[in-house]
Protein backbone atom coordinates (compact mmCIF):
# COMPACT_ATOMS: atom_id res chain seq x y z
CA MET A 1 0.03 -0.08 0.02
CA ARG A 2 1.17 3.28 -0.89
CA LYS A 3 2.48 5.88 1.85
CA ALA A 4 -0.02 8.48 0.50
CA THR A 5 -2.93 6.08 0.78
CA ILE A 6 -1.95 5.09 4.44
CA ARG A 7 -1.80 8.89 5.34
CA LEU A 8 -5.21 9.36 3.97
CA LEU A 9 -6.63 6.41 5.90
CA VAL A 10 -5.16 7.65 9.08
CA LEU A 11 -6.40 10.98 8.67
CA ALA A 12 -9.87 9.53 7.86
CA ALA A 13 -9.79 7.54 11.13
CA LEU A 14 -8.68 10.47 13.21
CA ILE A 15 -11.58 12.72 11.78
CA PHE A 16 -14.18 9.97 12.48
CA ALA A 17 -12.85 9.18 15.94
CA ALA A 18 -12.55 12.82 17.05
CA PRO A 19 -15.34 14.25 19.24
CA PRO A 20 -17.96 16.44 17.49
CA GLY A 21 -17.15 20.14 17.63
CA ARG A 22 -19.59 22.92 17.89
CA ALA A 23 -21.76 23.66 15.01
CA GLN A 24 -20.88 26.74 13.20
CA LEU A 25 -23.37 29.04 11.39
CA ARG A 26 -22.78 30.41 7.63
CA TRP A 27 -23.51 34.20 8.03
CA THR A 28 -24.11 36.21 4.97
CA LYS A 29 -23.75 40.03 5.02
CA ALA A 30 -27.14 41.57 4.39
CA ASP A 31 -26.34 45.32 4.47
CA SER A 32 -28.08 45.81 0.97
CA ALA A 33 -31.47 44.74 2.31
CA TYR A 34 -31.28 47.13 5.43
CA GLY A 35 -29.57 50.25 3.96
CA PRO A 36 -28.62 52.96 3.94
CA LEU A 37 -26.06 52.16 6.71
CA PRO A 38 -22.88 53.97 7.99
CA SER A 39 -19.67 52.20 7.04
CA SER A 40 -19.25 51.35 10.76
CA VAL A 41 -22.40 49.01 10.88
CA HIS A 42 -22.96 45.68 9.16
CA ILE A 43 -25.87 43.47 9.21
CA TYR A 44 -25.66 39.58 9.06
CA SER A 45 -28.08 36.94 8.42
CA ALA A 46 -28.12 33.04 8.49
CA ALA A 47 -30.74 30.56 7.51
CA ASP A 48 -29.03 27.43 8.41
CA THR A 49 -29.16 24.21 10.53
CA PHE A 50 -27.77 24.55 14.10
CA HIS A 51 -27.19 21.49 16.38
CA GLY A 52 -29.69 19.58 14.02
CA PHE A 53 -32.55 22.23 14.27
CA PRO A 54 -33.55 24.78 11.68
CA PHE A 55 -32.09 28.06 12.34
CA LYS A 56 -32.74 31.86 11.41
CA GLY A 57 -31.04 34.54 12.94
CA TYR A 58 -29.63 38.18 12.39
CA TYR A 59 -26.89 40.09 13.99
CA ALA A 60 -25.80 43.73 13.85
CA SER A 61 -22.14 44.65 14.15
CA VAL A 62 -21.73 48.32 15.40
CA ARG A 63 -18.41 50.16 15.88
CA LEU A 64 -18.64 51.64 19.36
CA LYS A 65 -16.04 54.45 18.61
CA ASP A 66 -17.91 55.92 15.58
CA LYS A 67 -19.03 59.38 16.96
CA ARG A 68 -21.73 59.51 14.34
CA LEU A 69 -23.61 56.90 16.37
CA LEU A 70 -25.63 57.58 19.52
CA PHE A 71 -26.25 54.60 21.87
CA THR A 72 -29.41 55.06 23.90
CA ALA A 73 -32.68 53.49 25.36
CA SER A 74 -36.41 54.42 25.56
CA THR A 75 -39.17 53.52 28.07
CA GLY A 76 -42.75 53.72 27.47
CA GLN A 77 -43.03 55.48 30.81
CA GLY A 78 -45.80 53.13 32.27
CA ARG A 79 -46.95 51.97 28.87
CA ARG A 80 -46.01 49.45 26.27
CA PHE A 81 -45.26 50.05 22.65
CA THR A 82 -44.11 47.90 19.74
CA PRO A 83 -40.50 48.21 18.28
CA SER A 84 -42.15 49.85 15.14
CA GLN A 85 -43.95 52.41 17.44
CA TYR A 86 -40.65 53.36 19.22
CA TYR A 87 -39.08 53.71 15.89
CA GLN A 88 -41.67 56.48 15.02
CA LEU A 89 -41.61 57.94 18.63
CA GLU A 90 -37.88 58.37 18.55
CA GLN A 91 -37.55 59.86 15.08
CA GLN A 92 -36.61 56.85 13.06
CA PRO A 93 -33.21 55.61 14.52
CA LEU A 94 -30.97 53.15 12.80
CA LEU A 95 -31.45 50.18 15.17
CA VAL A 96 -34.30 49.29 17.69
CA VAL A 97 -34.16 45.98 19.85
CA ASN A 98 -36.21 44.75 22.65
CA CYS A 99 -34.38 44.47 25.94
CA THR A 100 -35.80 44.21 29.54
CA TYR A 101 -38.06 41.69 31.37
CA PHE A 102 -41.21 43.28 32.37
CA SER A 103 -44.71 42.59 34.05
CA PHE A 104 -47.73 42.05 31.68
CA VAL A 105 -49.94 43.16 34.48
CA THR A 106 -48.40 46.56 35.45
CA ASN A 107 -46.10 47.18 32.41
CA GLN A 108 -43.27 47.64 34.87
CA ASN A 109 -39.74 47.20 33.77
CA LEU A 110 -38.10 44.27 35.65
CA SER A 111 -34.74 45.20 34.56
CA VAL A 112 -32.48 48.34 34.83
CA VAL A 113 -32.69 50.98 31.98
CA VAL A 114 -30.07 53.83 32.22
CA ARG A 115 -30.59 56.84 29.53
CA ASP A 116 -28.24 59.76 29.59
CA GLY A 117 -26.76 58.67 32.77
CA LYS A 118 -30.00 58.43 34.70
CA MET A 119 -31.85 55.47 35.87
CA LEU A 120 -35.23 54.99 34.27
CA ALA A 121 -35.84 51.58 35.46
CA TYR A 122 -34.49 49.29 38.34
CA SER A 123 -33.71 45.55 38.60
CA VAL A 124 -35.56 43.07 40.70
CA SER A 125 -33.48 42.97 43.88
CA SER A 126 -35.33 40.38 46.11
CA LEU A 127 -37.40 37.06 45.52
CA ARG A 128 -39.29 35.37 48.35
CA GLY A 129 -37.87 32.07 49.16
CA THR A 130 -39.73 28.76 49.05
CA GLY A 131 -40.01 25.69 51.12
CA ASN A 132 -37.71 25.79 54.25
CA ASP A 133 -36.77 29.42 53.30
CA SER A 134 -40.39 30.71 52.68
CA LEU A 135 -39.76 33.21 55.44
CA LEU A 136 -36.73 34.67 54.02
CA TYR A 137 -36.03 36.71 50.90
CA TYR A 138 -33.15 36.06 48.32
CA TYR A 139 -31.18 39.12 47.40
CA ILE A 140 -30.00 38.93 43.85
CA THR A 141 -27.88 40.71 41.29
CA ARG A 142 -28.99 40.62 37.77
CA GLY A 143 -26.90 40.97 34.34
CA ALA A 144 -26.87 44.24 32.16
CA ILE A 145 -24.82 45.59 29.42
CA GLY A 146 -23.90 49.23 29.36
CA ILE A 147 -21.91 51.78 27.40
CA ASP A 148 -19.94 54.63 29.18
CA ARG A 149 -19.19 58.28 28.04
CA LYS A 150 -15.85 56.99 26.42
CA ARG A 151 -17.94 54.38 24.34
CA ARG A 152 -16.68 51.45 26.26
CA ALA A 153 -19.13 48.59 26.70
CA ASP A 154 -19.23 46.34 29.85
CA VAL A 155 -21.45 43.52 31.27
CA ALA A 156 -21.87 43.29 34.88
CA TRP A 157 -24.06 41.88 37.64
CA LEU A 158 -26.21 44.79 39.09
CA PHE A 159 -27.84 45.75 42.42
CA THR A 160 -29.96 48.78 42.12
CA ASP A 161 -31.26 51.11 44.68
CA SER A 162 -33.79 53.78 43.80
CA SER A 163 -32.13 56.16 46.48
CA ARG A 164 -28.86 56.11 44.55
CA ARG A 165 -28.01 57.61 41.26
CA TRP A 166 -25.65 54.76 40.10
CA PRO A 167 -26.08 51.04 40.20
CA TYR A 168 -23.94 48.82 42.24
CA ALA A 169 -21.85 46.55 40.09
CA PHE A 170 -20.13 43.36 40.76
CA GLU A 171 -17.72 42.66 38.00
CA ASP A 172 -16.36 39.33 39.00
CA ARG A 173 -19.38 37.17 39.72
CA PRO A 174 -23.06 37.30 40.61
CA ILE A 175 -23.92 37.63 44.26
CA VAL A 176 -26.64 35.89 46.06
CA ALA A 177 -27.61 36.49 49.72
CA LYS A 178 -30.66 36.05 51.80
CA GLY A 179 -32.43 37.69 54.69
CA GLN A 180 -35.71 38.73 56.36
CA ASP A 181 -35.89 42.38 54.73
CA THR A 182 -38.09 42.72 51.99
CA PHE A 183 -36.06 45.64 50.40
CA PRO A 184 -32.42 44.81 50.88
CA SER A 185 -29.59 47.41 50.79
CA ILE A 186 -26.10 47.04 49.67
CA TYR A 187 -24.97 45.90 53.15
CA SER A 188 -27.22 42.81 52.69
CA PHE A 189 -24.49 41.47 50.40
CA ASN A 190 -21.93 41.17 53.32
CA ASP A 191 -19.47 43.99 52.03
CA ILE A 192 -18.65 41.88 48.99
CA GLU A 193 -16.25 44.31 46.66
CA TRP A 194 -18.50 46.40 44.20
CA LYS A 195 -18.15 49.71 42.24
CA TRP A 196 -20.43 52.42 41.01
CA TRP A 197 -21.49 51.45 37.42
CA LYS A 198 -21.33 54.83 35.61
CA MET A 199 -22.84 53.94 32.20
CA ARG A 200 -24.31 56.57 29.90
CA THR A 201 -26.57 53.97 28.52
CA ALA A 202 -27.43 50.57 29.88
CA VAL A 203 -30.24 48.00 29.61
CA GLY A 204 -30.61 44.86 31.88
CA GLY A 205 -31.86 41.23 31.41
CA GLY A 206 -30.18 38.10 32.22
CA PRO A 207 -28.50 35.72 32.39
CA VAL A 208 -25.00 36.79 31.53
CA LEU A 209 -23.84 34.31 28.81
CA ILE A 210 -19.93 35.29 28.42
CA HIS A 211 -17.73 36.61 31.09
CA ASP A 212 -14.09 37.67 30.54
CA GLY A 213 -13.85 35.91 27.21
CA LYS A 214 -15.50 32.60 28.58
CA ILE A 215 -18.93 31.09 28.28
CA PHE A 216 -20.48 31.37 31.91
CA ILE A 217 -24.25 31.32 32.03
CA SER A 218 -25.28 32.61 35.29
CA ASP A 219 -29.12 31.81 35.11
CA VAL A 220 -29.06 29.95 38.50
CA GLN A 221 -27.19 32.67 40.44
CA GLU A 222 -29.29 35.22 39.00
CA GLN A 223 -32.51 33.26 40.05
CA LEU A 224 -34.18 33.69 36.79
CA TYR A 225 -35.83 30.37 36.27
CA PRO A 226 -36.20 28.96 39.95
CA GLY A 227 -37.40 25.40 39.77
CA GLU A 228 -37.15 24.80 36.15
CA GLY A 229 -33.44 23.79 35.93
CA SER A 230 -31.56 22.80 32.81
CA GLU A 231 -34.61 21.17 31.33
CA GLY A 232 -36.88 24.33 31.68
CA ARG A 233 -36.45 27.68 30.13
CA GLU A 234 -32.61 27.60 30.03
CA GLY A 235 -32.75 24.23 27.82
CA GLU A 236 -35.59 25.16 25.75
CA HIS A 237 -35.40 26.26 22.26
CA LEU A 238 -37.02 29.88 21.97
CA PRO A 239 -36.72 33.08 20.09
CA ARG A 240 -33.72 34.93 21.64
CA THR A 241 -32.28 38.38 22.01
CA ALA A 242 -28.88 39.09 23.15
CA MET A 243 -26.27 41.79 23.30
CA GLY A 244 -22.39 41.45 23.69
CA TYR A 245 -19.24 43.31 22.60
CA THR A 246 -15.79 42.43 21.46
CA ARG A 247 -12.29 43.24 22.51
CA ASP A 248 -11.84 45.31 19.19
CA GLY A 249 -14.67 47.65 20.20
CA ARG A 250 -17.72 46.31 18.23
CA LEU A 251 -21.16 45.85 19.74
CA ILE A 252 -22.95 42.70 18.75
CA VAL A 253 -26.87 42.66 18.81
CA LEU A 254 -28.19 39.26 17.95
CA THR A 255 -31.91 38.04 17.42
CA VAL A 256 -32.96 34.62 16.65
CA GLU A 257 -36.29 33.49 15.14
CA GLY A 258 -38.30 30.54 16.85
CA ARG A 259 -41.53 28.79 17.35
CA SER A 260 -41.92 27.90 13.79
CA ALA A 261 -41.47 25.02 11.39
CA ASP A 262 -38.48 26.49 9.82
CA ALA A 263 -36.93 28.37 12.83
CA ALA A 264 -36.79 26.47 16.09
CA GLY A 265 -34.95 29.04 18.20
CA ILE A 266 -32.10 28.12 20.41
CA THR A 267 -31.16 27.36 24.06
CA LEU A 268 -29.23 29.61 26.21
CA GLN A 269 -26.06 27.45 25.73
CA GLU A 270 -26.36 27.60 21.91
CA GLU A 271 -26.82 31.40 22.25
CA ALA A 272 -23.58 31.64 24.24
CA GLU A 273 -21.74 29.33 21.74
CA ILE A 274 -22.93 31.56 18.73
CA LEU A 275 -21.98 34.75 20.62
CA HIS A 276 -18.54 33.29 21.62
CA GLU A 277 -17.96 32.38 17.82
CA LEU A 278 -18.82 35.86 16.86
CA GLY A 279 -15.97 37.23 19.19
CA CYS A 280 -17.84 38.48 22.05
CA TYR A 281 -15.71 39.05 25.06
CA GLU A 282 -18.86 39.44 27.26
CA ALA A 283 -22.44 38.95 26.58
CA LEU A 284 -25.86 39.09 27.80
CA ASN A 285 -29.23 37.40 27.19
CA LEU A 286 -32.12 39.84 27.14
CA ASP A 287 -35.87 39.09 26.95
CA GLY A 288 -36.88 36.43 24.43
CA GLY A 289 -39.76 34.61 23.27
CA GLY A 290 -42.58 36.71 21.65
CA SER A 291 -40.58 39.98 22.82
CA SER A 292 -37.77 39.26 20.38
CA CYS A 293 -37.54 41.75 17.67
CA LEU A 294 -34.87 43.63 15.82
CA LEU A 295 -35.53 46.59 13.40
CA ILE A 296 -32.75 48.03 11.26
CA ASN A 297 -33.92 51.21 9.53
CA GLY A 298 -37.56 50.33 10.52
CA LYS A 299 -37.38 47.00 8.73
CA GLU A 300 -38.04 43.80 10.69
CA THR A 301 -35.12 41.12 10.62
CA ILE A 302 -36.56 38.01 12.30
CA ARG A 303 -40.33 37.34 12.16
CA PRO A 304 -41.69 37.85 15.73
CA SER A 305 -43.35 34.65 17.15
CA ASP A 306 -46.59 36.08 18.42
CA ALA A 307 -49.45 35.37 16.13
CA SER A 308 -50.38 39.23 16.37
CA GLY A 309 -46.67 40.24 15.37
CA GLN A 310 -44.48 42.58 17.30
CA ARG A 311 -45.06 42.33 21.04
CA PRO A 312 -45.48 45.82 22.73
CA VAL A 313 -42.72 46.02 25.40
CA PRO A 314 -41.83 48.83 27.95
CA ALA A 315 -38.29 49.47 26.85
CA VAL A 316 -36.01 49.24 23.83
CA PHE A 317 -32.22 49.75 23.17
CA LEU A 318 -31.54 52.20 20.28
CA VAL A 319 -28.72 53.20 17.94
CA LYS A 320 -29.21 56.58 16.33
CA TRP A 321 -27.26 57.92 13.25
CA THR A 322 -26.31 61.41 12.82
CA LYS A 323 -25.66 61.32 8.75
CA ASP A 324 -24.19 64.74 8.49
């Protein structure tokens, strides 16, 4: 047998014996479908198969240092509007995407929103325990993504206090404590190191998906889906919205379609894998399901999963473009 043939057989054996790697998506630039766009912004789409399921998704890649771009947020001030309505109310921004969790009953944002350095909404800070802990409250920190005045992005776990101008940020890990007070203070977290999170713009959600360049999904620590476990909402294929940033200064805004025959949605683990492949150094999951919606120049990317179309939400993240 020739040496070349032997080498081919050995190579084939190694390939088939190797453990399966992560599935990679084939992204195609879609700028022409959503223009006009500044040179610092690109839109990508994928209609593919991911881990054996049909996949449809879009992401925007935005250069943070482009001073023609304004990163901001908008709330409904006690009401909910569709992303297309925010597009009109905010004078037709370049990008509109859903972000925070919220109450369907009161329309209250349940995640932090910062606009122009001011907190417009606050994160959930305590949850009542169950079982043996039913007389106690769990004090939690929730994930958020922010952009400061120098156009630097950051993902951190936050504790918000309506009597303080800035959120408290925990940069190393999420913090969980418990006690008998319904409304905790920063001292309820046992003097663990924190810093003031002085962001110009920020929106919250959770869980954090990528921290310091590594996949780290903190849904348990953030007490997002108590009692559901990995077979609950974390492991379920859903429409998803997420944001992250790369080390070279690009903001990544991802939305994934789901709940249809040709788009299954993704799990949190799969979402983290996608963002990691896109180069995100840190990334955050935002409200998904029927809320997931990304508009570029007012045009829908993914198809919202609610039968009625776009779901009204109490807050959105925006990118505005000063063309001159």
